[in-house]
Amino acid sequence: MKFSESLKKNKDFRIVYNKGTSHANRYLVMYVLKNDSDRNRLGISVSKKVGNSVIRHHITRLVREGYRLHEEIFNRGLDIVVIARVNAKRATYHEIEKSILNLANLHQIIENEKKMESF
């Protein structure tokens, strides 16, 4: 990912959960919190309730790819945590991608001039 890093530490996830804002849809929950850098940090969480390790890794890859292909339209300086819901295991890539863009739009973290091009 060109403009982003991974969010890996449990402490960083907890800060985003406690201080960030959240929106949810059928497949995903997204928490967003401003950070003090010019890069985004993306964290992905998929619980064991969703499925076995193969399913969890598959969903993680779908979310990461959906974000990666659209990361240039996201505002900079954000910590973003995406949590997969149980319904995500039946979702296709396009449904996950649409879900990510929908949540980003709800959070208003998509740059205005590029907003129309992404949908």
PDB file of N, CA and C in Angstrom:
ATOM      1  N   MET A   1       0.853  -1.171   0.000  1.00  0.00           N
ATOM      2  CA  MET A   1       0.000   0.000   0.000  1.00  0.00           C
ATOM      3  C   MET A   1       0.896   1.231   0.000  1.00  0.00           C
ATOM      4  N   LYS A   2       0.646   2.091  -0.920  1.00  0.00           N
ATOM      5  CA  LYS A   2       1.495   3.240  -1.152  1.00  0.00           C
ATOM      6  C   LYS A   2       1.396   4.302  -0.063  1.00  0.00           C
ATOM      7  N   PHE A   3       0.182   4.608   0.387  1.00  0.00           N
ATOM      8  CA  PHE A   3      -0.029   5.703   1.321  1.00  0.00           C
ATOM      9  C   PHE A   3      -0.358   5.233   2.733  1.00  0.00           C
ATOM     10  N   SER A   4      -0.293   3.942   2.979  1.00  0.00           N
ATOM     11  CA  SER A   4      -0.764   3.402   4.247  1.00  0.00           C
ATOM     12  C   SER A   4       0.209   2.413   4.846  1.00  0.00           C
ATOM     13  N   GLU A   5       0.051   2.216   6.155  1.00  0.00           N
ATOM     14  CA  GLU A   5       0.791   1.214   6.895  1.00  0.00           C
ATOM     15  C   GLU A   5      -0.222   0.312   7.577  1.00  0.00           C
ATOM     16  N   SER A   6       0.273  -0.755   8.191  1.00  0.00           N
ATOM     17  CA  SER A   6      -0.616  -1.639   8.934  1.00  0.00           C
ATOM     18  C   SER A   6      -0.687  -1.210  10.390  1.00  0.00           C
ATOM     19  N   LEU A   7      -1.832  -1.390  10.968  1.00  0.00           N
ATOM     20  CA  LEU A   7      -2.042  -1.166  12.398  1.00  0.00           C
ATOM     21  C   LEU A   7      -1.949  -2.540  13.043  1.00  0.00           C
ATOM     22  N   LYS A   8      -0.960  -2.767  13.911  1.00  0.00           N
ATOM     23  CA  LYS A   8      -0.720  -4.117  14.394  1.00  0.00           C
ATOM     24  C   LYS A   8      -0.831  -4.275  15.901  1.00  0.00           C
ATOM     25  N   LYS A   9      -0.497  -3.245  16.662  1.00  0.00           N
ATOM     26  CA  LYS A   9      -0.446  -3.395  18.119  1.00  0.00           C
ATOM     27  C   LYS A   9      -1.836  -3.313  18.736  1.00  0.00           C
ATOM     28  N   ASN A  10      -2.076  -4.191  19.697  1.00  0.00           N
ATOM     29  CA  ASN A  10      -3.358  -4.241  20.392  1.00  0.00           C
ATOM     30  C   ASN A  10      -3.678  -2.887  21.023  1.00  0.00           C
ATOM     31  N   LYS A  11      -2.675  -2.223  21.561  1.00  0.00           N
ATOM     32  CA  LYS A  11      -2.854  -0.908  22.183  1.00  0.00           C
ATOM     33  C   LYS A  11      -3.412   0.103  21.181  1.00  0.00           C
ATOM     34  N   ASP A  12      -2.892   0.072  19.954  1.00  0.00           N
ATOM     35  CA  ASP A  12      -3.364   0.995  18.912  1.00  0.00           C
ATOM     36  C   ASP A  12      -4.805   0.696  18.522  1.00  0.00           C
ATOM     37  N   PHE A  13      -5.162  -0.582  18.446  1.00  0.00           N
ATOM     38  CA  PHE A  13      -6.544  -0.960  18.159  1.00  0.00           C
ATOM     39  C   PHE A  13      -7.468  -0.434  19.254  1.00  0.00           C
ATOM     40  N   ARG A  14      -7.067  -0.623  20.510  1.00  0.00           N
ATOM     41  CA  ARG A  14      -7.889  -0.179  21.643  1.00  0.00           C
ATOM     42  C   ARG A  14      -8.120   1.330  21.623  1.00  0.00           C
ATOM     43  N   ILE A  15      -7.087   2.092  21.276  1.00  0.00           N
ATOM     44  CA  ILE A  15      -7.225   3.552  21.208  1.00  0.00           C
ATOM     45  C   ILE A  15      -8.258   3.932  20.157  1.00  0.00           C
ATOM     46  N   VAL A  16      -8.200   3.283  18.999  1.00  0.00           N
ATOM     47  CA  VAL A  16      -9.160   3.583  17.924  1.00  0.00           C
ATOM     48  C   VAL A  16     -10.573   3.188  18.357  1.00  0.00           C
ATOM     49  N   TYR A  17     -10.721   2.036  19.021  1.00  0.00           N
ATOM     50  CA  TYR A  17     -12.044   1.623  19.493  1.00  0.00           C
ATOM     51  C   TYR A  17     -12.617   2.609  20.504  1.00  0.00           C
ATOM     52  N   ASN A  18     -11.793   3.070  21.431  1.00  0.00           N
ATOM     53  CA  ASN A  18     -12.269   3.923  22.517  1.00  0.00           C
ATOM     54  C   ASN A  18     -12.487   5.372  22.120  1.00  0.00           C
ATOM     55  N   LYS A  19     -11.642   5.897  21.254  1.00  0.00           N
ATOM     56  CA  LYS A  19     -11.710   7.323  20.927  1.00  0.00           C
ATOM     57  C   LYS A  19     -12.257   7.615  19.534  1.00  0.00           C
ATOM     58  N   GLY A  20     -12.334   6.606  18.678  1.00  0.00           N
ATOM     59  CA  GLY A  20     -12.768   6.814  17.309  1.00  0.00           C
ATOM     60  C   GLY A  20     -14.276   6.754  17.150  1.00  0.00           C
ATOM     61  N   THR A  21     -14.715   7.042  15.938  1.00  0.00           N
ATOM     62  CA  THR A  21     -16.137   6.936  15.613  1.00  0.00           C
ATOM     63  C   THR A  21     -16.351   5.674  14.788  1.00  0.00           C
ATOM     64  N   SER A  22     -17.563   5.121  14.859  1.00  0.00           N
ATOM     65  CA  SER A  22     -17.813   3.877  14.134  1.00  0.00           C
ATOM     66  C   SER A  22     -19.104   3.960  13.330  1.00  0.00           C
ATOM     67  N   HIS A  23     -19.087   3.251  12.227  1.00  0.00           N
ATOM     68  CA  HIS A  23     -20.272   3.026  11.408  1.00  0.00           C
ATOM     69  C   HIS A  23     -20.231   1.568  10.971  1.00  0.00           C
ATOM     70  N   ALA A  24     -21.394   1.009  10.720  1.00  0.00           N
ATOM     71  CA  ALA A  24     -21.464  -0.401  10.344  1.00  0.00           C
ATOM     72  C   ALA A  24     -22.446  -0.594   9.208  1.00  0.00           C
ATOM     73  N   ASN A  25     -22.246  -1.666   8.475  1.00  0.00           N
ATOM     74  CA  ASN A  25     -23.227  -2.114   7.490  1.00  0.00           C
ATOM     75  C   ASN A  25     -23.302  -3.639   7.582  1.00  0.00           C
ATOM     76  N   ARG A  26     -23.850  -4.257   6.587  1.00  0.00           N
ATOM     77  CA  ARG A  26     -24.128  -5.691   6.646  1.00  0.00           C
ATOM     78  C   ARG A  26     -22.880  -6.557   6.840  1.00  0.00           C
ATOM     79  N   TYR A  27     -21.762  -6.170   6.222  1.00  0.00           N
ATOM     80  CA  TYR A  27     -20.573  -7.008   6.226  1.00  0.00           C
ATOM     81  C   TYR A  27     -19.456  -6.528   7.143  1.00  0.00           C
ATOM     82  N   LEU A  28     -19.352  -5.223   7.356  1.00  0.00           N
ATOM     83  CA  LEU A  28     -18.201  -4.671   8.063  1.00  0.00           C
ATOM     84  C   LEU A  28     -18.603  -3.613   9.084  1.00  0.00           C
ATOM     85  N   VAL A  29     -17.711  -3.386  10.034  1.00  0.00           N
ATOM     86  CA  VAL A  29     -17.784  -2.259  10.963  1.00  0.00           C
ATOM     87  C   VAL A  29     -16.481  -1.499  10.773  1.00  0.00           C
ATOM     88  N   MET A  30     -16.543  -0.165  10.686  1.00  0.00           N
ATOM     89  CA  MET A  30     -15.337   0.634  10.488  1.00  0.00           C
ATOM     90  C   MET A  30     -15.231   1.683  11.588  1.00  0.00           C
ATOM     91  N   TYR A  31     -14.085   1.686  12.253  1.00  0.00           N
ATOM     92  CA  TYR A  31     -13.747   2.710  13.237  1.00  0.00           C
ATOM     93  C   TYR A  31     -12.700   3.619  12.614  1.00  0.00           C
ATOM     94  N   VAL A  32     -12.822   4.928  12.838  1.00  0.00           N
ATOM     95  CA  VAL A  32     -11.874   5.890  12.283  1.00  0.00           C
ATOM     96  C   VAL A  32     -11.466   6.877  13.366  1.00  0.00           C
ATOM     97  N   LEU A  33     -10.166   7.175  13.411  1.00  0.00           N
ATOM     98  CA  LEU A  33      -9.620   8.149  14.352  1.00  0.00           C
ATOM     99  C   LEU A  33      -8.468   8.871  13.665  1.00  0.00           C
ATOM    100  N   LYS A  34      -8.415  10.179  13.816  1.00  0.00           N
ATOM    101  CA  LYS A  34      -7.301  10.939  13.240  1.00  0.00           C
ATOM    102  C   LYS A  34      -6.025  10.615  13.997  1.00  0.00           C
ATOM    103  N   ASN A  35      -4.912  10.496  13.243  1.00  0.00           N
ATOM    104  CA  ASN A  35      -3.608  10.324  13.879  1.00  0.00           C
ATOM    105  C   ASN A  35      -2.742  11.544  13.552  1.00  0.00           C
ATOM    106  N   ASP A  36      -1.565  11.594  14.085  1.00  0.00           N
ATOM    107  CA  ASP A  36      -0.712  12.772  13.915  1.00  0.00           C
ATOM    108  C   ASP A  36       0.336  12.579  12.831  1.00  0.00           C
ATOM    109  N   SER A  37      -0.004  11.884  11.775  1.00  0.00           N
ATOM    110  CA  SER A  37       0.947  11.687  10.683  1.00  0.00           C
ATOM    111  C   SER A  37       0.258  11.999   9.357  1.00  0.00           C
ATOM    112  N   ASP A  38       1.026  11.888   8.287  1.00  0.00           N
ATOM    113  CA  ASP A  38       0.449  12.120   6.964  1.00  0.00           C
ATOM    114  C   ASP A  38       0.107  10.815   6.260  1.00  0.00           C
ATOM    115  N   ARG A  39       0.154   9.719   6.991  1.00  0.00           N
ATOM    116  CA  ARG A  39      -0.166   8.405   6.432  1.00  0.00           C
ATOM    117  C   ARG A  39      -1.353   7.798   7.164  1.00  0.00           C
ATOM    118  N   ASN A  40      -2.054   6.937   6.476  1.00  0.00           N
ATOM    119  CA  ASN A  40      -3.132   6.171   7.108  1.00  0.00           C
ATOM    120  C   ASN A  40      -2.550   4.887   7.667  1.00  0.00           C
ATOM    121  N   ARG A  41      -3.187   4.382   8.695  1.00  0.00           N
ATOM    122  CA  ARG A  41      -2.848   3.064   9.227  1.00  0.00           C
ATOM    123  C   ARG A  41      -4.124   2.237   9.204  1.00  0.00           C
ATOM    124  N   LEU A  42      -4.044   1.063   8.577  1.00  0.00           N
ATOM    125  CA  LEU A  42      -5.200   0.196   8.418  1.00  0.00           C
ATOM    126  C   LEU A  42      -5.039  -1.035   9.288  1.00  0.00           C
ATOM    127  N   GLY A  43      -6.040  -1.292  10.120  1.00  0.00           N
ATOM    128  CA  GLY A  43      -6.078  -2.508  10.923  1.00  0.00           C
ATOM    129  C   GLY A  43      -7.308  -3.313  10.545  1.00  0.00           C
ATOM    130  N   ILE A  44      -7.148  -4.621  10.443  1.00  0.00           N
ATOM    131  CA  ILE A  44      -8.253  -5.499  10.058  1.00  0.00           C
ATOM    132  C   ILE A  44      -8.412  -6.560  11.135  1.00  0.00           C
ATOM    133  N   SER A  45      -9.638  -6.741  11.592  1.00  0.00           N
ATOM    134  CA  SER A  45      -9.917  -7.722  12.632  1.00  0.00           C
ATOM    135  C   SER A  45     -11.015  -8.669  12.149  1.00  0.00           C
ATOM    136  N   VAL A  46     -10.720  -9.966  12.194  1.00  0.00           N
ATOM    137  CA  VAL A  46     -11.705 -10.975  11.820  1.00  0.00           C
ATOM    138  C   VAL A  46     -11.731 -12.009  12.944  1.00  0.00           C
ATOM    139  N   SER A  47     -12.835 -12.091  13.640  1.00  0.00           N
ATOM    140  CA  SER A  47     -12.989 -12.958  14.799  1.00  0.00           C
ATOM    141  C   SER A  47     -13.103 -14.427  14.398  1.00  0.00           C
ATOM    142  N   LYS A  48     -12.825 -15.302  15.347  1.00  0.00           N
ATOM    143  CA  LYS A  48     -13.003 -16.737  15.115  1.00  0.00           C
ATOM    144  C   LYS A  48     -14.462 -17.102  14.908  1.00  0.00           C
ATOM    145  N   LYS A  49     -15.377 -16.238  15.352  1.00  0.00           N
ATOM    146  CA  LYS A  49     -16.807 -16.484  15.120  1.00  0.00           C
ATOM    147  C   LYS A  49     -17.135 -16.500  13.634  1.00  0.00           C
ATOM    148  N   VAL A  50     -16.337 -15.790  12.843  1.00  0.00           N
ATOM    149  CA  VAL A  50     -16.594 -15.678  11.399  1.00  0.00           C
ATOM    150  C   VAL A  50     -16.293 -16.992  10.691  1.00  0.00           C
ATOM    151  N   GLY A  51     -15.258 -17.687  11.110  1.00  0.00           N
ATOM    152  CA  GLY A  51     -14.926 -18.947  10.459  1.00  0.00           C
ATOM    153  C   GLY A  51     -13.542 -19.421  10.839  1.00  0.00           C
ATOM    154  N   ASN A  52     -13.104 -20.483  10.180  1.00  0.00           N
ATOM    155  CA  ASN A  52     -11.772 -21.023  10.465  1.00  0.00           C
ATOM    156  C   ASN A  52     -10.689 -20.106   9.877  1.00  0.00           C
ATOM    157  N   SER A  53      -9.426 -20.478  10.049  1.00  0.00           N
ATOM    158  CA  SER A  53      -8.332 -19.590   9.656  1.00  0.00           C
ATOM    159  C   SER A  53      -8.314 -19.314   8.151  1.00  0.00           C
ATOM    160  N   VAL A  54      -8.697 -20.278   7.353  1.00  0.00           N
ATOM    161  CA  VAL A  54      -8.719 -20.072   5.897  1.00  0.00           C
ATOM    162  C   VAL A  54      -9.735 -18.983   5.535  1.00  0.00           C
ATOM    163  N   ILE A  55     -10.907 -19.056   6.104  1.00  0.00           N
ATOM    164  CA  ILE A  55     -11.955 -18.065   5.837  1.00  0.00           C
ATOM    165  C   ILE A  55     -11.534 -16.696   6.368  1.00  0.00           C
ATOM    166  N   ARG A  56     -10.961 -16.657   7.593  1.00  0.00           N
ATOM    167  CA  ARG A  56     -10.535 -15.384   8.178  1.00  0.00           C
ATOM    168  C   ARG A  56      -9.457 -14.708   7.342  1.00  0.00           C
ATOM    169  N   HIS A  57      -8.489 -15.458   6.881  1.00  0.00           N
ATOM    170  CA  HIS A  57      -7.430 -14.886   6.042  1.00  0.00           C
ATOM    171  C   HIS A  57      -7.973 -14.438   4.689  1.00  0.00           C
ATOM    172  N   HIS A  58      -8.917 -15.181   4.155  1.00  0.00           N
ATOM    173  CA  HIS A  58      -9.534 -14.797   2.882  1.00  0.00           C
ATOM    174  C   HIS A  58     -10.244 -13.451   3.022  1.00  0.00           C
ATOM    175  N   ILE A  59     -11.005 -13.281   4.080  1.00  0.00           N
ATOM    176  CA  ILE A  59     -11.712 -12.016   4.307  1.00  0.00           C
ATOM    177  C   ILE A  59     -10.712 -10.887   4.515  1.00  0.00           C
ATOM    178  N   THR A  60      -9.639 -11.153   5.259  1.00  0.00           N
ATOM    179  CA  THR A  60      -8.599 -10.144   5.472  1.00  0.00           C
ATOM    180  C   THR A  60      -8.000  -9.693   4.146  1.00  0.00           C
ATOM    181  N   ARG A  61      -7.722 -10.640   3.269  1.00  0.00           N
ATOM    182  CA  ARG A  61      -7.160 -10.290   1.954  1.00  0.00           C
ATOM    183  C   ARG A  61      -8.144  -9.480   1.125  1.00  0.00           C
ATOM    184  N   LEU A  62      -9.431  -9.835   1.183  1.00  0.00           N
ATOM    185  CA  LEU A  62     -10.446  -9.088   0.434  1.00  0.00           C
ATOM    186  C   LEU A  62     -10.533  -7.643   0.927  1.00  0.00           C
ATOM    187  N   VAL A  63     -10.533  -7.455   2.238  1.00  0.00           N
ATOM    188  CA  VAL A  63     -10.620  -6.105   2.798  1.00  0.00           C
ATOM    189  C   VAL A  63      -9.376  -5.303   2.436  1.00  0.00           C
ATOM    190  N   ARG A  64      -8.202  -5.899   2.597  1.00  0.00           N
ATOM    191  CA  ARG A  64      -6.961  -5.195   2.292  1.00  0.00           C
ATOM    192  C   ARG A  64      -6.894  -4.799   0.816  1.00  0.00           C
ATOM    193  N   GLU A  65      -7.302  -5.683  -0.057  1.00  0.00           N
ATOM    194  CA  GLU A  65      -7.279  -5.378  -1.496  1.00  0.00           C
ATOM    195  C   GLU A  65      -8.306  -4.313  -1.845  1.00  0.00           C
ATOM    196  N   GLY A  66      -9.487  -4.393  -1.258  1.00  0.00           N
ATOM    197  CA  GLY A  66     -10.503  -3.369  -1.505  1.00  0.00           C
ATOM    198  C   GLY A  66     -10.032  -1.992  -1.080  1.00  0.00           C
ATOM    199  N   TYR A  67      -9.344  -1.929   0.051  1.00  0.00           N
ATOM    200  CA  TYR A  67      -8.795  -0.650   0.514  1.00  0.00           C
ATOM    201  C   TYR A  67      -7.643  -0.206  -0.383  1.00  0.00           C
ATOM    202  N   ARG A  68      -6.737  -1.128  -0.710  1.00  0.00           N
ATOM    203  CA  ARG A  68      -5.541  -0.798  -1.488  1.00  0.00           C
ATOM    204  C   ARG A  68      -5.879  -0.183  -2.842  1.00  0.00           C
ATOM    205  N   LEU A  69      -6.876  -0.728  -3.510  1.00  0.00           N
ATOM    206  CA  LEU A  69      -7.233  -0.234  -4.838  1.00  0.00           C
ATOM    207  C   LEU A  69      -7.857   1.154  -4.802  1.00  0.00           C
ATOM    208  N   HIS A  70      -8.357   1.568  -3.645  1.00  0.00           N
ATOM    209  CA  HIS A  70      -9.012   2.876  -3.525  1.00  0.00           C
ATOM    210  C   HIS A  70      -8.309   3.803  -2.540  1.00  0.00           C
ATOM    211  N   GLU A  71      -7.118   3.446  -2.079  1.00  0.00           N
ATOM    212  CA  GLU A  71      -6.501   4.220  -1.008  1.00  0.00           C
ATOM    213  C   GLU A  71      -6.167   5.655  -1.398  1.00  0.00           C
ATOM    214  N   GLU A  72      -6.010   5.925  -2.679  1.00  0.00           N
ATOM    215  CA  GLU A  72      -5.690   7.295  -3.082  1.00  0.00           C
ATOM    216  C   GLU A  72      -6.860   8.258  -2.892  1.00  0.00           C
ATOM    217  N   ILE A  73      -8.083   7.748  -2.744  1.00  0.00           N
ATOM    218  CA  ILE A  73      -9.224   8.650  -2.534  1.00  0.00           C
ATOM    219  C   ILE A  73      -9.507   8.914  -1.061  1.00  0.00           C
ATOM    220  N   PHE A  74      -8.827   8.184  -0.162  1.00  0.00           N
ATOM    221  CA  PHE A  74      -9.030   8.381   1.267  1.00  0.00           C
ATOM    222  C   PHE A  74      -8.227   9.582   1.750  1.00  0.00           C
ATOM    223  N   ASN A  75      -8.798  10.340   2.686  1.00  0.00           N
ATOM    224  CA  ASN A  75      -8.055  11.422   3.335  1.00  0.00           C
ATOM    225  C   ASN A  75      -6.861  10.829   4.054  1.00  0.00           C
ATOM    226  N   ARG A  76      -5.826  11.639   4.266  1.00  0.00           N
ATOM    227  CA  ARG A  76      -4.609  11.182   4.946  1.00  0.00           C
ATOM    228  C   ARG A  76      -4.681  11.476   6.442  1.00  0.00           C
ATOM    229  N   GLY A  77      -3.854  10.774   7.194  1.00  0.00           N
ATOM    230  CA  GLY A  77      -3.738  11.016   8.621  1.00  0.00           C
ATOM    231  C   GLY A  77      -4.814  10.344   9.452  1.00  0.00           C
ATOM    232  N   LEU A  78      -5.192   9.118   9.074  1.00  0.00           N
ATOM    233  CA  LEU A  78      -6.268   8.413   9.775  1.00  0.00           C
ATOM    234  C   LEU A  78      -5.806   7.035  10.229  1.00  0.00           C
ATOM    235  N   ASP A  79      -6.300   6.631  11.382  1.00  0.00           N
ATOM    236  CA  ASP A  79      -6.215   5.231  11.796  1.00  0.00           C
ATOM    237  C   ASP A  79      -7.569   4.623  11.482  1.00  0.00           C
ATOM    238  N   ILE A  80      -7.583   3.575  10.679  1.00  0.00           N
ATOM    239  CA  ILE A  80      -8.826   2.937  10.255  1.00  0.00           C
ATOM    240  C   ILE A  80      -8.781   1.475  10.698  1.00  0.00           C
ATOM    241  N   VAL A  81      -9.795   1.060  11.440  1.00  0.00           N
ATOM    242  CA  VAL A  81      -9.911  -0.342  11.848  1.00  0.00           C
ATOM    243  C   VAL A  81     -11.186  -0.896  11.224  1.00  0.00           C
ATOM    244  N   VAL A  82     -11.044  -1.984  10.493  1.00  0.00           N
ATOM    245  CA  VAL A  82     -12.178  -2.639   9.855  1.00  0.00           C
ATOM    246  C   VAL A  82     -12.391  -3.988  10.536  1.00  0.00           C
ATOM    247  N   ILE A  83     -13.607  -4.209  11.001  1.00  0.00           N
ATOM    248  CA  ILE A  83     -13.969  -5.460  11.662  1.00  0.00           C
ATOM    249  C   ILE A  83     -14.969  -6.193  10.771  1.00  0.00           C
ATOM    250  N   ALA A  84     -14.672  -7.448  10.477  1.00  0.00           N
ATOM    251  CA  ALA A  84     -15.569  -8.244   9.647  1.00  0.00           C
ATOM    252  C   ALA A  84     -16.681  -8.829  10.504  1.00  0.00           C
ATOM    253  N   ARG A  85     -17.899  -8.758   9.986  1.00  0.00           N
ATOM    254  CA  ARG A  85     -19.038  -9.394  10.645  1.00  0.00           C
ATOM    255  C   ARG A  85     -19.210 -10.802  10.093  1.00  0.00           C
ATOM    256  N   VAL A  86     -20.038 -11.594  10.739  1.00  0.00           N
ATOM    257  CA  VAL A  86     -20.225 -12.997  10.346  1.00  0.00           C
ATOM    258  C   VAL A  86     -20.711 -13.112   8.904  1.00  0.00           C
ATOM    259  N   ASN A  87     -21.560 -12.182   8.454  1.00  0.00           N
ATOM    260  CA  ASN A  87     -22.068 -12.226   7.072  1.00  0.00           C
ATOM    261  C   ASN A  87     -20.964 -12.078   6.031  1.00  0.00           C
ATOM    262  N   ALA A  88     -19.815 -11.553   6.413  1.00  0.00           N
ATOM    263  CA  ALA A  88     -18.730 -11.315   5.456  1.00  0.00           C
ATOM    264  C   ALA A  88     -18.193 -12.613   4.855  1.00  0.00           C
ATOM    265  N   LYS A  89     -18.367 -13.744   5.542  1.00  0.00           N
ATOM    266  CA  LYS A  89     -17.815 -14.982   4.989  1.00  0.00           C
ATOM    267  C   LYS A  89     -18.532 -15.426   3.716  1.00  0.00           C
ATOM    268  N   ARG A  90     -19.755 -14.945   3.505  1.00  0.00           N
ATOM    269  CA  ARG A  90     -20.494 -15.283   2.280  1.00  0.00           C
ATOM    270  C   ARG A  90     -20.366 -14.192   1.217  1.00  0.00           C
ATOM    271  N   ALA A  91     -19.679 -13.109   1.531  1.00  0.00           N
ATOM    272  CA  ALA A  91     -19.614 -11.957   0.619  1.00  0.00           C
ATOM    273  C   ALA A  91     -18.564 -12.158  -0.474  1.00  0.00           C
ATOM    274  N   THR A  92     -18.852 -11.597  -1.639  1.00  0.00           N
ATOM    275  CA  THR A  92     -17.888 -11.601  -2.727  1.00  0.00           C
ATOM    276  C   THR A  92     -16.955 -10.399  -2.576  1.00  0.00           C
ATOM    277  N   TYR A  93     -15.910 -10.377  -3.381  1.00  0.00           N
ATOM    278  CA  TYR A  93     -14.980  -9.249  -3.336  1.00  0.00           C
ATOM    279  C   TYR A  93     -15.708  -7.939  -3.615  1.00  0.00           C
ATOM    280  N   HIS A  94     -16.579  -7.923  -4.604  1.00  0.00           N
ATOM    281  CA  HIS A  94     -17.272  -6.688  -4.978  1.00  0.00           C
ATOM    282  C   HIS A  94     -18.190  -6.188  -3.857  1.00  0.00           C
ATOM    283  N   GLU A  95     -18.789  -7.105  -3.132  1.00  0.00           N
ATOM    284  CA  GLU A  95     -19.627  -6.697  -1.999  1.00  0.00           C
ATOM    285  C   GLU A  95     -18.783  -6.100  -0.872  1.00  0.00           C
ATOM    286  N   ILE A  96     -17.623  -6.691  -0.622  1.00  0.00           N
ATOM    287  CA  ILE A  96     -16.711  -6.152   0.397  1.00  0.00           C
ATOM    288  C   ILE A  96     -16.197  -4.783  -0.026  1.00  0.00           C
ATOM    289  N   GLU A  97     -15.806  -4.652  -1.283  1.00  0.00           N
ATOM    290  CA  GLU A  97     -15.307  -3.381  -1.808  1.00  0.00           C
ATOM    291  C   GLU A  97     -16.374  -2.289  -1.684  1.00  0.00           C
ATOM    292  N   LYS A  98     -17.587  -2.608  -2.077  1.00  0.00           N
ATOM    293  CA  LYS A  98     -18.696  -1.660  -1.983  1.00  0.00           C
ATOM    294  C   LYS A  98     -18.969  -1.290  -0.528  1.00  0.00           C
ATOM    295  N   SER A  99     -18.849  -2.260   0.355  1.00  0.00           N
ATOM    296  CA  SER A  99     -19.063  -2.039   1.779  1.00  0.00           C
ATOM    297  C   SER A  99     -18.011  -1.090   2.353  1.00  0.00           C
ATOM    298  N   ILE A 100     -16.753  -1.261   1.966  1.00  0.00           N
ATOM    299  CA  ILE A 100     -15.679  -0.374   2.419  1.00  0.00           C
ATOM    300  C   ILE A 100     -15.927   1.053   1.954  1.00  0.00           C
ATOM    301  N   LEU A 101     -16.283   1.215   0.692  1.00  0.00           N
ATOM    302  CA  LEU A 101     -16.537   2.557   0.157  1.00  0.00           C
ATOM    303  C   LEU A 101     -17.763   3.192   0.805  1.00  0.00           C
ATOM    304  N   ASN A 102     -18.779   2.391   1.079  1.00  0.00           N
ATOM    305  CA  ASN A 102     -19.979   2.899   1.748  1.00  0.00           C
ATOM    306  C   ASN A 102     -19.642   3.413   3.145  1.00  0.00           C
ATOM    307  N   LEU A 103     -18.866   2.653   3.891  1.00  0.00           N
ATOM    308  CA  LEU A 103     -18.497   3.065   5.245  1.00  0.00           C
ATOM    309  C   LEU A 103     -17.583   4.287   5.215  1.00  0.00           C
ATOM    310  N   ALA A 104     -16.671   4.343   4.267  1.00  0.00           N
ATOM    311  CA  ALA A 104     -15.801   5.511   4.141  1.00  0.00           C
ATOM    312  C   ALA A 104     -16.623   6.757   3.830  1.00  0.00           C
ATOM    313  N   ASN A 105     -17.644   6.591   3.013  1.00  0.00           N
ATOM    314  CA  ASN A 105     -18.528   7.709   2.689  1.00  0.00           C
ATOM    315  C   ASN A 105     -19.318   8.152   3.921  1.00  0.00           C
ATOM    316  N   LEU A 106     -19.778   7.211   4.737  1.00  0.00           N
ATOM    317  CA  LEU A 106     -20.488   7.546   5.964  1.00  0.00           C
ATOM    318  C   LEU A 106     -19.590   8.304   6.943  1.00  0.00           C
ATOM    319  N   HIS A 107     -18.327   7.919   6.995  1.00  0.00           N
ATOM    320  CA  HIS A 107     -17.359   8.594   7.860  1.00  0.00           C
ATOM    321  C   HIS A 107     -16.874   9.920   7.259  1.00  0.00           C
ATOM    322  N   GLN A 108     -17.194  10.155   6.001  1.00  0.00           N
ATOM    323  CA  GLN A 108     -16.755  11.351   5.268  1.00  0.00           C
ATOM    324  C   GLN A 108     -15.232  11.451   5.239  1.00  0.00           C
ATOM    325  N   ILE A 109     -14.581  10.351   4.899  1.00  0.00           N
ATOM    326  CA  ILE A 109     -13.121  10.331   4.810  1.00  0.00           C
ATOM    327  C   ILE A 109     -12.638  10.150   3.377  1.00  0.00           C
ATOM    328  N   ILE A 110     -13.544  10.341   2.419  1.00  0.00           N
ATOM    329  CA  ILE A 110     -13.181  10.285   1.010  1.00  0.00           C
ATOM    330  C   ILE A 110     -13.049  11.712   0.523  1.00  0.00           C
ATOM    331  N   GLU A 111     -11.976  11.978  -0.213  1.00  0.00           N
ATOM    332  CA  GLU A 111     -11.756  13.316  -0.742  1.00  0.00           C
ATOM    333  C   GLU A 111     -12.906  13.711  -1.660  1.00  0.00           C
ATOM    334  N   ASN A 112     -13.384  14.935  -1.522  1.00  0.00           N
ATOM    335  CA  ASN A 112     -14.583  15.391  -2.226  1.00  0.00           C
ATOM    336  C   ASN A 112     -14.477  15.317  -3.740  1.00  0.00           C
ATOM    337  N   GLU A 113     -13.352  15.743  -4.305  1.00  0.00           N
ATOM    338  CA  GLU A 113     -13.249  15.755  -5.763  1.00  0.00           C
ATOM    339  C   GLU A 113     -13.181  14.361  -6.360  1.00  0.00           C
ATOM    340  N   LYS A 114     -12.804  13.375  -5.553  1.00  0.00           N
ATOM    341  CA  LYS A 114     -12.705  12.002  -6.069  1.00  0.00           C
ATOM    342  C   LYS A 114     -13.898  11.166  -5.666  1.00  0.00           C
ATOM    343  N   LYS A 115     -14.823  11.719  -4.909  1.00  0.00           N
ATOM    344  CA  LYS A 115     -15.964  10.970  -4.391  1.00  0.00           C
ATOM    345  C   LYS A 115     -16.844  10.408  -5.507  1.00  0.00           C
ATOM    346  N   MET A 116     -17.120  11.207  -6.502  1.00  0.00           N
ATOM    347  CA  MET A 116     -18.007  10.770  -7.583  1.00  0.00           C
ATOM    348  C   MET A 116     -17.369   9.686  -8.439  1.00  0.00           C
ATOM    349  N   GLU A 117     -16.033   9.725  -8.571  1.00  0.00           N
ATOM    350  CA  GLU A 117     -15.362   8.748  -9.425  1.00  0.00           C
ATOM    351  C   GLU A 117     -15.359   7.354  -8.813  1.00  0.00           C
ATOM    352  N   SER A 118     -15.411   7.266  -7.478  1.00  0.00           N
ATOM    353  CA  SER A 118     -15.266   5.964  -6.832  1.00  0.00           C
ATOM    354  C   SER A 118     -16.533   5.110  -6.910  1.00  0.00           C
ATOM    355  N   PHE A 119     -17.683   5.703  -7.139  1.00  0.00           N
ATOM    356  CA  PHE A 119     -18.918   4.933  -7.193  1.00  0.00           C
ATOM    357  C   PHE A 119     -19.353   4.787  -8.581  1.00  0.00           C
TER     358      PHE A 119
END
